[in-house]
Every structure is written in C-alpha cells, then in structure tokens.
C-alpha cells in the first residue's frame, strides 16, 4: 500500500519580538528540516494587511523557499485568485516552474484573504472576480497548457504546473469535482463543512485529463511534544492567536502560557475551540491514535499540517515527531 502524503502549510508567522526577515529565516530553516525528513510538499498562503504574517508576496516567497530546498514540492496554499489577473498568476508560476522544474504547485482560493479596505487597496473588483472564479481558474489552466491562445503566458505556456482548488465551504468541493481537480479543505480554521465538502467532492468527481479519481487533501493543526502537558502548553499559542482574531486585536502576545483558559471568557473559549476543532495536540501515542481515527472518518488522500509554536526549535521538533509517527501509522 502506498503511504499517504504528509505535507506542510506555513504562514511565515512574525513573532512579536521579530521582523519579517526573521520570519523568512524561520521558514527557510523549516523547509530545509521538513525536506530532509521526507515531507511531500510545503505550501505558503497569501494574506494581506496582517503584521503577524509575512507571506503576502506569496510567489516571491515560494521562489525563496524552493531555492533553499532540494526535493520537497513548494507551492501556494493558496493564491487568492480574486486579487490577481489570471495571466499574471500563470506567468509567476510558470517562472517558478522554469526555475525549479517538477517542484512547483499552484493552489488557488476564491476568497480575497483580507479585509474590505485592503481589497480596495489591491485595486481589484473582487465581487466580479469571485463570481467569475470558475472562468478564471479555467483561464489559468489554459495559460499553463499548450493551448494555442492569442495571448500566451511566457514563461508559463506548456509548463502544466499542477493546479489545486482550495476551500472552506462546499462551493470549492463542487467546483473541484466538476473540473476534475485535486481539492484541499481548510479545516485548520474552518472545520464546519469538512465532512459535507469531502462527501460532495468524492460523490460528484468527474475524471479529467488532470485526475482519474478524486484527490482530497485536508489541512489540520498539529502540535507534538514529548509529553501531552508540554504539547498543550505549546498549543496555547494557536489559541491565543485565534482569540486575537475574535477580539480584533492583532497585537496580543502569543507566547505560550500554562493555562490559556485564564485568558478568555467561556464564550470566547467556545469560539476558539470551534475554530480549532481539528487540532491534534499531544505526544506521539495520543496524536497517532487521533490521526488514525480522523482518517477513518474522512478518508483523505493527503494530510497537510500547520504547526504554530512560538519557539522555532520546538516547532521543528514537532514536525520530527510527526514524521516519525506517520511512518509507522497504519493508514
């Protein structure tokens, strides 16, 4: 039986006491570490106007990370297509593919990935772009193919960079199924529709020149340490970050704390835990058991993991522990 792929999602977090330069250095060290461990792919996500995330110029960061790694696939999880002209996206990823042949992925999302004021600053009519999302995805696929178009993406034409559709609702699942494309669900922050989306994707999938059968990827939060207690403490960073989102406070300190429940009201805790429903926190034995049960429920084809740990050495160690247990996991 072929082992299911295990991959990484990195938001290039900027710690309160650090700069974007530090964040890029941390990402470089993490991709080199996970590359050596044998992780399958490493994705970064587009966000704007967020001082705690440094991956806004996503294609530029992908080039940097690909240049500092050897075997791991590198790509976007994702490019927020309403913010961009399809031709520009095809040219950017065609350029990346030409630099790093056979290692580049293009994951595409439908949401702008930011607030309304920033959308205006991006100079895009995202309302129309969201409505035209299927047409724009198809346009990118055409630019990346060998199609004889009146306008061609150079570089990009005939590079056939693999395209993945991302989503946090059933819309993306329906579109990916209809287009015969691989589908990645963002259950690390939007868990509510996970099972419905996967059910729709598998039931409605139409084989295409890209895929013969469905390929479902699921993103989850994982925090591993030598003990359950230490992992729970490290995972408080994620909870504090989601608490800051709920409160609209982007400057909240996200260093780990011993009892994170002391920092939030019962209602806030309910909201945070709802958003972080698919978080696997503990030692190897606990997380292995939970991931096995999660796969039995969802039957995903690939697991993408994001790990938000304040201490970067402990963050890398969490990925080491995960790969060790994954190699022995019977799924």
C-alpha atoms as a PDB file:
ATOM      1  CA  UNK A   1       0.000   0.000   0.000  1.00  0.00           C
ATOM      2  CA  UNK A   2       1.339   3.433  -0.967  1.00  0.00           C
ATOM      3  CA  UNK A   3       1.907   5.656   2.033  1.00  0.00           C
ATOM      4  CA  UNK A   4      -0.350   8.716   2.106  1.00  0.00           C
ATOM      5  CA  UNK A   5       1.451  12.005   1.567  1.00  0.00           C
ATOM      6  CA  UNK A   6       2.257  14.254   4.526  1.00  0.00           C
ATOM      7  CA  UNK A   7       2.791  17.958   3.838  1.00  0.00           C
ATOM      8  CA  UNK A   8       3.308  21.373   5.464  1.00  0.00           C
ATOM      9  CA  UNK A   9       1.384  24.654   5.440  1.00  0.00           C
ATOM     10  CA  UNK A  10       3.422  27.641   6.643  1.00  0.00           C
ATOM     11  CA  UNK A  11       2.033  31.159   7.158  1.00  0.00           C
ATOM     12  CA  UNK A  12       5.523  32.601   7.766  1.00  0.00           C
ATOM     13  CA  UNK A  13       4.452  33.938  11.186  1.00  0.00           C
ATOM     14  CA  UNK A  14       6.140  37.069  12.503  1.00  0.00           C
ATOM     15  CA  UNK A  15       6.644  36.793  16.248  1.00  0.00           C
ATOM     16  CA  UNK A  16       6.008  39.945  18.323  1.00  0.00           C
ATOM     17  CA  UNK A  17       9.710  40.443  19.041  1.00  0.00           C
ATOM     18  CA  UNK A  18      10.804  39.675  15.460  1.00  0.00           C
ATOM     19  CA  UNK A  19      10.656  41.072  11.906  1.00  0.00           C
ATOM     20  CA  UNK A  20       9.665  39.711   8.503  1.00  0.00           C
ATOM     21  CA  UNK A  21      13.347  38.939   7.927  1.00  0.00           C
ATOM     22  CA  UNK A  22      13.277  36.655  10.957  1.00  0.00           C
ATOM     23  CA  UNK A  23      10.072  35.022   9.711  1.00  0.00           C
ATOM     24  CA  UNK A  24      11.656  34.214   6.344  1.00  0.00           C
ATOM     25  CA  UNK A  25      14.708  32.779   8.082  1.00  0.00           C
ATOM     26  CA  UNK A  26      12.452  30.583  10.225  1.00  0.00           C
ATOM     27  CA  UNK A  27      10.594  29.382   7.124  1.00  0.00           C
ATOM     28  CA  UNK A  28      13.866  28.629   5.363  1.00  0.00           C
ATOM     29  CA  UNK A  29      15.010  26.511   8.299  1.00  0.00           C
ATOM     30  CA  UNK A  30      11.647  24.755   8.483  1.00  0.00           C
ATOM     31  CA  UNK A  31      11.503  23.834   4.799  1.00  0.00           C
ATOM     32  CA  UNK A  32      15.060  22.524   4.931  1.00  0.00           C
ATOM     33  CA  UNK A  33      14.170  20.487   8.013  1.00  0.00           C
ATOM     34  CA  UNK A  34      10.964  19.026   6.573  1.00  0.00           C
ATOM     35  CA  UNK A  35      12.687  18.409   3.228  1.00  0.00           C
ATOM     36  CA  UNK A  36      15.303  16.283   4.972  1.00  0.00           C
ATOM     37  CA  UNK A  37      12.580  14.432   6.891  1.00  0.00           C
ATOM     38  CA  UNK A  38      10.821  13.499   3.636  1.00  0.00           C
ATOM     39  CA  UNK A  39       7.667  15.627   3.762  1.00  0.00           C
ATOM     40  CA  UNK A  40       5.923  15.737   0.386  1.00  0.00           C
ATOM     41  CA  UNK A  41       5.132  19.428  -0.165  1.00  0.00           C
ATOM     42  CA  UNK A  42       5.469  22.809   1.519  1.00  0.00           C
ATOM     43  CA  UNK A  43       2.818  25.465   0.918  1.00  0.00           C
ATOM     44  CA  UNK A  44       2.616  29.113   1.934  1.00  0.00           C
ATOM     45  CA  UNK A  45      -0.567  31.195   1.983  1.00  0.00           C
ATOM     46  CA  UNK A  46      -1.454  34.667   0.720  1.00  0.00           C
ATOM     47  CA  UNK A  47      -2.593  37.146   3.356  1.00  0.00           C
ATOM     48  CA  UNK A  48      -2.595  40.960   3.326  1.00  0.00           C
ATOM     49  CA  UNK A  49      -2.529  43.718   5.938  1.00  0.00           C
ATOM     50  CA  UNK A  50      -1.612  41.303   8.740  1.00  0.00           C
ATOM     51  CA  UNK A  51       1.520  42.278  10.634  1.00  0.00           C
ATOM     52  CA  UNK A  52       1.852  38.785  12.117  1.00  0.00           C
ATOM     53  CA  UNK A  53       2.011  37.036   8.704  1.00  0.00           C
ATOM     54  CA  UNK A  54       4.821  37.646   6.190  1.00  0.00           C
ATOM     55  CA  UNK A  55       3.592  35.630   3.186  1.00  0.00           C
ATOM     56  CA  UNK A  56       1.762  38.419   1.318  1.00  0.00           C
ATOM     57  CA  UNK A  57       4.100  38.287  -1.720  1.00  0.00           C
ATOM     58  CA  UNK A  58       3.435  34.564  -1.994  1.00  0.00           C
ATOM     59  CA  UNK A  59       5.114  33.796  -5.316  1.00  0.00           C
ATOM     60  CA  UNK A  60       8.270  35.628  -4.230  1.00  0.00           C
ATOM     61  CA  UNK A  61       8.413  33.618  -1.002  1.00  0.00           C
ATOM     62  CA  UNK A  62       7.863  30.357  -2.895  1.00  0.00           C
ATOM     63  CA  UNK A  63      10.880  31.139  -5.065  1.00  0.00           C
ATOM     64  CA  UNK A  64      12.992  31.866  -1.990  1.00  0.00           C
ATOM     65  CA  UNK A  65      11.950  28.626  -0.277  1.00  0.00           C
ATOM     66  CA  UNK A  66      12.349  26.487  -3.382  1.00  0.00           C
ATOM     67  CA  UNK A  67      15.844  27.906  -3.790  1.00  0.00           C
ATOM     68  CA  UNK A  68      16.765  26.816  -0.265  1.00  0.00           C
ATOM     69  CA  UNK A  69      15.441  23.246  -0.537  1.00  0.00           C
ATOM     70  CA  UNK A  70      16.151  20.222  -2.701  1.00  0.00           C
ATOM     71  CA  UNK A  71      13.368  17.670  -3.144  1.00  0.00           C
ATOM     72  CA  UNK A  72      10.189  18.870  -1.447  1.00  0.00           C
ATOM     73  CA  UNK A  73       7.460  20.356  -3.645  1.00  0.00           C
ATOM     74  CA  UNK A  74       6.808  24.051  -2.971  1.00  0.00           C
ATOM     75  CA  UNK A  75       3.641  25.988  -3.700  1.00  0.00           C
ATOM     76  CA  UNK A  76       0.731  28.138  -2.649  1.00  0.00           C
ATOM     77  CA  UNK A  77      -1.922  27.237  -0.181  1.00  0.00           C
ATOM     78  CA  UNK A  78      -3.078  29.381  -1.706  1.00  0.00           C
ATOM     79  CA  UNK A  79      -3.028  32.222  -4.147  1.00  0.00           C
ATOM     80  CA  UNK A  80      -6.232  34.224  -3.627  1.00  0.00           C
ATOM     81  CA  UNK A  81      -7.322  34.500  -7.240  1.00  0.00           C
ATOM     82  CA  UNK A  82      -9.765  37.455  -6.870  1.00  0.00           C
ATOM     83  CA  UNK A  83      -6.708  39.600  -6.087  1.00  0.00           C
ATOM     84  CA  UNK A  84      -4.918  38.797  -9.357  1.00  0.00           C
ATOM     85  CA  UNK A  85      -5.247  38.684 -13.112  1.00  0.00           C
ATOM     86  CA  UNK A  86      -5.084  35.038 -14.276  1.00  0.00           C
ATOM     87  CA  UNK A  87      -2.337  35.828 -16.802  1.00  0.00           C
ATOM     88  CA  UNK A  88      -0.096  37.272 -14.072  1.00  0.00           C
ATOM     89  CA  UNK A  89      -0.577  34.189 -11.903  1.00  0.00           C
ATOM     90  CA  UNK A  90       0.258  31.905 -14.832  1.00  0.00           C
ATOM     91  CA  UNK A  91       3.386  33.923 -15.607  1.00  0.00           C
ATOM     92  CA  UNK A  92       4.540  33.906 -11.989  1.00  0.00           C
ATOM     93  CA  UNK A  93       4.100  30.177 -11.529  1.00  0.00           C
ATOM     94  CA  UNK A  94       5.401  29.435 -14.998  1.00  0.00           C
ATOM     95  CA  UNK A  95       8.522  31.344 -13.981  1.00  0.00           C
ATOM     96  CA  UNK A  96       8.802  29.352 -10.755  1.00  0.00           C
ATOM     97  CA  UNK A  97       8.314  26.057 -12.606  1.00  0.00           C
ATOM     98  CA  UNK A  98      11.005  27.054 -15.098  1.00  0.00           C
ATOM     99  CA  UNK A  99      13.386  27.786 -12.216  1.00  0.00           C
ATOM    100  CA  UNK A 100      12.543  24.644 -10.218  1.00  0.00           C
ATOM    101  CA  UNK A 101      11.186  22.069 -12.715  1.00  0.00           C
ATOM    102  CA  UNK A 102       8.818  19.481 -11.298  1.00  0.00           C
ATOM    103  CA  UNK A 103       8.634  21.017  -7.822  1.00  0.00           C
ATOM    104  CA  UNK A 104       6.033  23.812  -8.037  1.00  0.00           C
ATOM    105  CA  UNK A 105       2.320  23.664  -7.072  1.00  0.00           C
ATOM    106  CA  UNK A 106      -0.372  26.277  -7.681  1.00  0.00           C
ATOM    107  CA  UNK A 107      -3.090  26.151  -5.036  1.00  0.00           C
ATOM    108  CA  UNK A 108      -5.907  28.623  -5.715  1.00  0.00           C
ATOM    109  CA  UNK A 109      -8.520  30.064  -3.370  1.00  0.00           C
ATOM    110  CA  UNK A 110     -11.694  32.074  -4.056  1.00  0.00           C
ATOM    111  CA  UNK A 111     -11.685  34.438  -1.057  1.00  0.00           C
ATOM    112  CA  UNK A 112      -9.739  37.720  -1.104  1.00  0.00           C
ATOM    113  CA  UNK A 113      -7.996  36.693   2.115  1.00  0.00           C
ATOM    114  CA  UNK A 114      -8.200  40.120   3.704  1.00  0.00           C
ATOM    115  CA  UNK A 115     -10.477  42.926   4.890  1.00  0.00           C
ATOM    116  CA  UNK A 116     -12.642  45.177   2.636  1.00  0.00           C
ATOM    117  CA  UNK A 117     -10.374  48.223   2.972  1.00  0.00           C
ATOM    118  CA  UNK A 118      -7.352  46.187   1.873  1.00  0.00           C
ATOM    119  CA  UNK A 119      -9.340  44.792  -1.040  1.00  0.00           C
ATOM    120  CA  UNK A 120      -9.748  48.361  -2.249  1.00  0.00           C
ATOM    121  CA  UNK A 121      -6.021  48.950  -1.832  1.00  0.00           C
ATOM    122  CA  UNK A 122      -5.372  45.898  -4.022  1.00  0.00           C
ATOM    123  CA  UNK A 123      -7.239  47.718  -6.832  1.00  0.00           C
ATOM    124  CA  UNK A 124      -9.354  44.692  -7.659  1.00  0.00           C
ATOM    125  CA  UNK A 125     -13.110  44.362  -8.187  1.00  0.00           C
ATOM    126  CA  UNK A 126     -13.307  41.246  -6.076  1.00  0.00           C
ATOM    127  CA  UNK A 127     -17.102  40.969  -6.326  1.00  0.00           C
ATOM    128  CA  UNK A 128     -16.891  40.230 -10.037  1.00  0.00           C
ATOM    129  CA  UNK A 129     -13.699  38.234  -9.576  1.00  0.00           C
ATOM    130  CA  UNK A 130     -15.369  35.938  -7.033  1.00  0.00           C
ATOM    131  CA  UNK A 131     -18.351  35.437  -9.344  1.00  0.00           C
ATOM    132  CA  UNK A 132     -16.012  34.697 -12.247  1.00  0.00           C
ATOM    133  CA  UNK A 133     -13.848  32.313 -10.240  1.00  0.00           C
ATOM    134  CA  UNK A 134     -14.582  29.178 -12.341  1.00  0.00           C
ATOM    135  CA  UNK A 135     -13.820  31.052 -15.569  1.00  0.00           C
ATOM    136  CA  UNK A 136     -10.617  32.476 -14.103  1.00  0.00           C
ATOM    137  CA  UNK A 137      -9.431  29.049 -12.921  1.00  0.00           C
ATOM    138  CA  UNK A 138     -10.061  27.660 -16.380  1.00  0.00           C
ATOM    139  CA  UNK A 139      -8.183  30.615 -17.879  1.00  0.00           C
ATOM    140  CA  UNK A 140      -5.128  29.795 -15.758  1.00  0.00           C
ATOM    141  CA  UNK A 141      -5.329  26.132 -16.765  1.00  0.00           C
ATOM    142  CA  UNK A 142      -5.343  27.199 -20.397  1.00  0.00           C
ATOM    143  CA  UNK A 143      -2.374  29.537 -19.952  1.00  0.00           C
ATOM    144  CA  UNK A 144      -0.371  26.745 -18.315  1.00  0.00           C
ATOM    145  CA  UNK A 145      -1.241  24.242 -21.066  1.00  0.00           C
ATOM    146  CA  UNK A 146      -0.035  24.007 -24.645  1.00  0.00           C
ATOM    147  CA  UNK A 147      -3.256  25.613 -25.940  1.00  0.00           C
ATOM    148  CA  UNK A 148      -2.780  27.866 -28.966  1.00  0.00           C
ATOM    149  CA  UNK A 149      -4.167  31.050 -27.420  1.00  0.00           C
ATOM    150  CA  UNK A 150      -3.943  34.560 -28.893  1.00  0.00           C
ATOM    151  CA  UNK A 151      -2.260  35.616 -25.634  1.00  0.00           C
ATOM    152  CA  UNK A 152       0.216  33.217 -24.056  1.00  0.00           C
ATOM    153  CA  UNK A 153       1.922  33.205 -20.672  1.00  0.00           C
ATOM    154  CA  UNK A 154       5.688  33.373 -21.096  1.00  0.00           C
ATOM    155  CA  UNK A 155       7.019  31.701 -19.000  1.00  0.00           C
ATOM    156  CA  UNK A 156       4.021  29.512 -18.230  1.00  0.00           C
ATOM    157  CA  UNK A 157       2.892  28.195 -21.610  1.00  0.00           C
ATOM    158  CA  UNK A 158       3.059  24.380 -21.684  1.00  0.00           C
ATOM    159  CA  UNK A 159       4.602  24.149 -18.201  1.00  0.00           C
ATOM    160  CA  UNK A 160       1.494  22.326 -16.926  1.00  0.00           C
ATOM    161  CA  UNK A 161       2.018  23.446 -13.348  1.00  0.00           C
ATOM    162  CA  UNK A 162      -0.411  21.319 -11.290  1.00  0.00           C
ATOM    163  CA  UNK A 163      -3.404  23.296 -10.038  1.00  0.00           C
ATOM    164  CA  UNK A 164      -5.231  22.592  -6.759  1.00  0.00           C
ATOM    165  CA  UNK A 165      -8.506  24.152  -5.654  1.00  0.00           C
ATOM    166  CA  UNK A 166      -8.733  25.259  -2.029  1.00  0.00           C
ATOM    167  CA  UNK A 167     -11.835  25.852   0.016  1.00  0.00           C
ATOM    168  CA  UNK A 168     -13.501  26.138   3.395  1.00  0.00           C
ATOM    169  CA  UNK A 169     -17.057  25.500   2.180  1.00  0.00           C
ATOM    170  CA  UNK A 170     -18.878  23.159  -0.179  1.00  0.00           C
ATOM    171  CA  UNK A 171     -18.508  25.563  -3.128  1.00  0.00           C
ATOM    172  CA  UNK A 172     -14.879  24.653  -3.757  1.00  0.00           C
ATOM    173  CA  UNK A 173     -15.667  20.963  -3.424  1.00  0.00           C
ATOM    174  CA  UNK A 174     -18.351  21.182  -6.102  1.00  0.00           C
ATOM    175  CA  UNK A 175     -16.102  23.105  -8.477  1.00  0.00           C
ATOM    176  CA  UNK A 176     -13.093  20.842  -7.958  1.00  0.00           C
ATOM    177  CA  UNK A 177     -15.288  17.798  -8.565  1.00  0.00           C
ATOM    178  CA  UNK A 178     -16.779  19.278 -11.742  1.00  0.00           C
ATOM    179  CA  UNK A 179     -13.353  20.288 -13.105  1.00  0.00           C
ATOM    180  CA  UNK A 180     -11.635  17.066 -12.091  1.00  0.00           C
ATOM    181  CA  UNK A 181      -9.031  18.834  -9.972  1.00  0.00           C
ATOM    182  CA  UNK A 182      -7.477  17.960  -6.611  1.00  0.00           C
ATOM    183  CA  UNK A 183      -9.157  19.643  -3.658  1.00  0.00           C
ATOM    184  CA  UNK A 184      -7.745  20.901  -0.344  1.00  0.00           C
ATOM    185  CA  UNK A 185     -10.055  21.766   2.566  1.00  0.00           C
ATOM    186  CA  UNK A 186      -9.003  24.344   5.174  1.00  0.00           C
ATOM    187  CA  UNK A 187     -10.261  22.557   8.268  1.00  0.00           C
ATOM    188  CA  UNK A 188      -7.418  24.046  10.336  1.00  0.00           C
ATOM    189  CA  UNK A 189      -9.533  27.193  10.788  1.00  0.00           C
ATOM    190  CA  UNK A 190     -12.938  26.439   9.201  1.00  0.00           C
ATOM    191  CA  UNK A 191     -13.934  22.936  10.274  1.00  0.00           C
ATOM    192  CA  UNK A 192     -17.721  23.178   9.995  1.00  0.00           C
ATOM    193  CA  UNK A 193     -18.235  21.949   6.428  1.00  0.00           C
ATOM    194  CA  UNK A 194     -15.356  19.469   6.225  1.00  0.00           C
ATOM    195  CA  UNK A 195     -17.384  16.270   6.028  1.00  0.00           C
ATOM    196  CA  UNK A 196     -20.028  17.715   3.693  1.00  0.00           C
ATOM    197  CA  UNK A 197     -17.361  19.095   1.375  1.00  0.00           C
ATOM    198  CA  UNK A 198     -15.452  15.815   1.171  1.00  0.00           C
ATOM    199  CA  UNK A 199     -18.663  13.870   0.592  1.00  0.00           C
ATOM    200  CA  UNK A 200     -19.684  16.177  -2.272  1.00  0.00           C
ATOM    201  CA  UNK A 201     -16.209  16.088  -3.787  1.00  0.00           C
ATOM    202  CA  UNK A 202     -15.975  12.301  -3.825  1.00  0.00           C
ATOM    203  CA  UNK A 203     -19.559  11.715  -4.979  1.00  0.00           C
ATOM    204  CA  UNK A 204     -19.558  14.294  -7.791  1.00  0.00           C
ATOM    205  CA  UNK A 205     -15.997  13.945  -9.047  1.00  0.00           C
ATOM    206  CA  UNK A 206     -15.652  13.862 -12.830  1.00  0.00           C
ATOM    207  CA  UNK A 207     -12.450  12.296 -14.213  1.00  0.00           C
ATOM    208  CA  UNK A 208     -10.376  14.707 -16.270  1.00  0.00           C
ATOM    209  CA  UNK A 209      -7.021  14.966 -18.008  1.00  0.00           C
ATOM    210  CA  UNK A 210      -5.686  16.152 -14.647  1.00  0.00           C
ATOM    211  CA  UNK A 211      -7.015  13.344 -12.440  1.00  0.00           C
ATOM    212  CA  UNK A 212      -8.565   9.918 -12.951  1.00  0.00           C
ATOM    213  CA  UNK A 213     -10.039   9.830  -9.456  1.00  0.00           C
ATOM    214  CA  UNK A 214     -10.600  12.211  -6.529  1.00  0.00           C
ATOM    215  CA  UNK A 215      -7.631  13.516  -4.582  1.00  0.00           C
ATOM    216  CA  UNK A 216      -8.716  15.120  -1.302  1.00  0.00           C
ATOM    217  CA  UNK A 217      -6.276  16.991   0.910  1.00  0.00           C
ATOM    218  CA  UNK A 218      -7.137  18.109   4.437  1.00  0.00           C
ATOM    219  CA  UNK A 219      -5.309  20.770   6.449  1.00  0.00           C
ATOM    220  CA  UNK A 220      -5.210  20.414  10.237  1.00  0.00           C
ATOM    221  CA  UNK A 221      -3.340  21.821  13.230  1.00  0.00           C
ATOM    222  CA  UNK A 222      -0.796  19.537  14.886  1.00  0.00           C
ATOM    223  CA  UNK A 223       1.319  20.217  17.956  1.00  0.00           C
ATOM    224  CA  UNK A 224       3.587  17.470  19.217  1.00  0.00           C
ATOM    225  CA  UNK A 225       5.988  17.271  22.146  1.00  0.00           C
ATOM    226  CA  UNK A 226       7.485  14.573  24.332  1.00  0.00           C
ATOM    227  CA  UNK A 227       4.590  14.884  26.784  1.00  0.00           C
ATOM    228  CA  UNK A 228       0.926  15.745  26.450  1.00  0.00           C
ATOM    229  CA  UNK A 229       1.321  18.512  29.019  1.00  0.00           C
ATOM    230  CA  UNK A 230       4.132  20.211  27.102  1.00  0.00           C
ATOM    231  CA  UNK A 231       2.212  19.941  23.819  1.00  0.00           C
ATOM    232  CA  UNK A 232      -0.867  21.516  25.402  1.00  0.00           C
ATOM    233  CA  UNK A 233       1.232  24.411  26.632  1.00  0.00           C
ATOM    234  CA  UNK A 234       2.831  24.936  23.212  1.00  0.00           C
ATOM    235  CA  UNK A 235      -0.588  24.796  21.540  1.00  0.00           C
ATOM    236  CA  UNK A 236      -1.761  27.734  23.648  1.00  0.00           C
ATOM    237  CA  UNK A 237      -0.055  29.961  21.049  1.00  0.00           C
ATOM    238  CA  UNK A 238      -2.620  28.935  18.409  1.00  0.00           C
ATOM    239  CA  UNK A 239      -5.482  29.507  20.821  1.00  0.00           C
ATOM    240  CA  UNK A 240      -4.212  32.977  21.707  1.00  0.00           C
ATOM    241  CA  UNK A 241      -3.901  33.881  18.021  1.00  0.00           C
ATOM    242  CA  UNK A 242      -7.466  32.857  17.298  1.00  0.00           C
ATOM    243  CA  UNK A 243      -8.544  34.741  20.421  1.00  0.00           C
ATOM    244  CA  UNK A 244      -6.883  37.837  18.976  1.00  0.00           C
ATOM    245  CA  UNK A 245      -8.868  37.379  15.755  1.00  0.00           C
ATOM    246  CA  UNK A 246     -12.117  37.145  17.691  1.00  0.00           C
ATOM    247  CA  UNK A 247     -11.258  40.287  19.658  1.00  0.00           C
ATOM    248  CA  UNK A 248      -9.948  42.160  16.629  1.00  0.00           C
ATOM    249  CA  UNK A 249      -6.665  42.686  18.467  1.00  0.00           C
ATOM    250  CA  UNK A 250      -3.677  41.916  16.276  1.00  0.00           C
ATOM    251  CA  UNK A 251      -1.062  42.777  18.898  1.00  0.00           C
ATOM    252  CA  UNK A 252      -1.957  40.206  21.538  1.00  0.00           C
ATOM    253  CA  UNK A 253       1.063  38.371  22.973  1.00  0.00           C
ATOM    254  CA  UNK A 254       1.083  34.790  21.682  1.00  0.00           C
ATOM    255  CA  UNK A 255       3.880  33.340  23.809  1.00  0.00           C
ATOM    256  CA  UNK A 256       2.731  30.038  25.345  1.00  0.00           C
ATOM    257  CA  UNK A 257       1.019  30.091  28.726  1.00  0.00           C
ATOM    258  CA  UNK A 258       0.334  27.419  31.336  1.00  0.00           C
ATOM    259  CA  UNK A 259      -3.444  27.811  31.442  1.00  0.00           C
ATOM    260  CA  UNK A 260      -4.833  29.512  28.367  1.00  0.00           C
ATOM    261  CA  UNK A 261      -8.405  29.323  29.682  1.00  0.00           C
ATOM    262  CA  UNK A 262      -7.476  32.035  32.200  1.00  0.00           C
ATOM    263  CA  UNK A 263      -7.093  34.468  29.285  1.00  0.00           C
ATOM    264  CA  UNK A 264     -10.553  34.116  27.757  1.00  0.00           C
ATOM    265  CA  UNK A 265     -14.196  34.059  28.727  1.00  0.00           C
ATOM    266  CA  UNK A 266     -16.245  30.846  28.403  1.00  0.00           C
ATOM    267  CA  UNK A 267     -17.902  32.220  25.258  1.00  0.00           C
ATOM    268  CA  UNK A 268     -14.545  33.117  23.728  1.00  0.00           C
ATOM    269  CA  UNK A 269     -13.210  29.684  24.586  1.00  0.00           C
ATOM    270  CA  UNK A 270     -16.163  28.068  22.829  1.00  0.00           C
ATOM    271  CA  UNK A 271     -15.493  30.137  19.712  1.00  0.00           C
ATOM    272  CA  UNK A 272     -11.767  29.406  19.723  1.00  0.00           C
ATOM    273  CA  UNK A 273     -12.212  25.678  20.230  1.00  0.00           C
ATOM    274  CA  UNK A 274     -14.849  25.573  17.498  1.00  0.00           C
ATOM    275  CA  UNK A 275     -12.417  27.108  15.008  1.00  0.00           C
ATOM    276  CA  UNK A 276      -9.631  24.789  16.179  1.00  0.00           C
ATOM    277  CA  UNK A 277     -11.775  21.650  16.209  1.00  0.00           C
ATOM    278  CA  UNK A 278      -9.347  19.720  14.035  1.00  0.00           C
ATOM    279  CA  UNK A 279      -6.272  20.228  16.178  1.00  0.00           C
ATOM    280  CA  UNK A 280      -4.197  17.242  17.219  1.00  0.00           C
ATOM    281  CA  UNK A 281      -2.186  18.011  20.328  1.00  0.00           C
ATOM    282  CA  UNK A 282      -0.151  15.661  22.476  1.00  0.00           C
ATOM    283  CA  UNK A 283       2.651  13.136  22.467  1.00  0.00           C
ATOM    284  CA  UNK A 284       3.212  10.676  19.631  1.00  0.00           C
ATOM    285  CA  UNK A 285       0.955   7.951  21.019  1.00  0.00           C
ATOM    286  CA  UNK A 286      -2.018  10.280  21.529  1.00  0.00           C
ATOM    287  CA  UNK A 287      -1.704  12.060  18.180  1.00  0.00           C
ATOM    288  CA  UNK A 288      -1.167   8.816  16.254  1.00  0.00           C
ATOM    289  CA  UNK A 289      -4.387   7.374  17.652  1.00  0.00           C
ATOM    290  CA  UNK A 290      -6.332  10.555  16.879  1.00  0.00           C
ATOM    291  CA  UNK A 291      -4.984  10.890  13.326  1.00  0.00           C
ATOM    292  CA  UNK A 292      -5.841   7.254  12.611  1.00  0.00           C
ATOM    293  CA  UNK A 293      -9.432   7.882  13.745  1.00  0.00           C
ATOM    294  CA  UNK A 294      -9.555  11.120  11.727  1.00  0.00           C
ATOM    295  CA  UNK A 295      -8.500   9.289   8.575  1.00  0.00           C
ATOM    296  CA  UNK A 296     -11.074   6.570   9.193  1.00  0.00           C
ATOM    297  CA  UNK A 297     -13.727   9.337   9.295  1.00  0.00           C
ATOM    298  CA  UNK A 298     -12.578  11.387   6.300  1.00  0.00           C
ATOM    299  CA  UNK A 299     -10.576   9.026   4.035  1.00  0.00           C
ATOM    300  CA  UNK A 300      -8.330  11.883   2.925  1.00  0.00           C
ATOM    301  CA  UNK A 301      -5.603  11.203   0.371  1.00  0.00           C
ATOM    302  CA  UNK A 302      -3.117  13.690   1.830  1.00  0.00           C
ATOM    303  CA  UNK A 303      -2.679  15.412   5.180  1.00  0.00           C
ATOM    304  CA  UNK A 304      -1.376  18.990   5.279  1.00  0.00           C
ATOM    305  CA  UNK A 305      -0.209  20.145   8.676  1.00  0.00           C
ATOM    306  CA  UNK A 306       0.257  23.596  10.123  1.00  0.00           C
ATOM    307  CA  UNK A 307       2.079  23.904  13.429  1.00  0.00           C
ATOM    308  CA  UNK A 308       2.091  27.235  15.230  1.00  0.00           C
ATOM    309  CA  UNK A 309       4.667  27.000  18.012  1.00  0.00           C
ATOM    310  CA  UNK A 310       6.346  30.112  19.405  1.00  0.00           C
ATOM    311  CA  UNK A 311       9.763  28.501  19.893  1.00  0.00           C
ATOM    312  CA  UNK A 312      11.103  27.655  16.423  1.00  0.00           C
ATOM    313  CA  UNK A 313      13.310  24.796  17.592  1.00  0.00           C
ATOM    314  CA  UNK A 314      10.309  23.177  19.281  1.00  0.00           C
ATOM    315  CA  UNK A 315       8.256  23.841  16.146  1.00  0.00           C
ATOM    316  CA  UNK A 316      10.758  21.907  14.036  1.00  0.00           C
ATOM    317  CA  UNK A 317      10.885  19.151  16.650  1.00  0.00           C
ATOM    318  CA  UNK A 318       7.106  18.788  16.424  1.00  0.00           C
ATOM    319  CA  UNK A 319       7.476  18.059  12.704  1.00  0.00           C
ATOM    320  CA  UNK A 320      10.171  15.499  13.510  1.00  0.00           C
ATOM    321  CA  UNK A 321       7.889  13.685  15.943  1.00  0.00           C
ATOM    322  CA  UNK A 322       5.010  13.801  13.451  1.00  0.00           C
ATOM    323  CA  UNK A 323       7.026  12.291  10.615  1.00  0.00           C
ATOM    324  CA  UNK A 324       8.242   9.515  12.897  1.00  0.00           C
ATOM    325  CA  UNK A 325       4.738   8.510  13.935  1.00  0.00           C
ATOM    326  CA  UNK A 326       3.423   8.965  10.391  1.00  0.00           C
ATOM    327  CA  UNK A 327       5.943   6.457   9.042  1.00  0.00           C
ATOM    328  CA  UNK A 328       4.546   3.849  11.448  1.00  0.00           C
ATOM    329  CA  UNK A 329       0.872   4.799  11.127  1.00  0.00           C
ATOM    330  CA  UNK A 330      -1.336   2.162   9.539  1.00  0.00           C
ATOM    331  CA  UNK A 331      -3.377   4.258   7.103  1.00  0.00           C
END
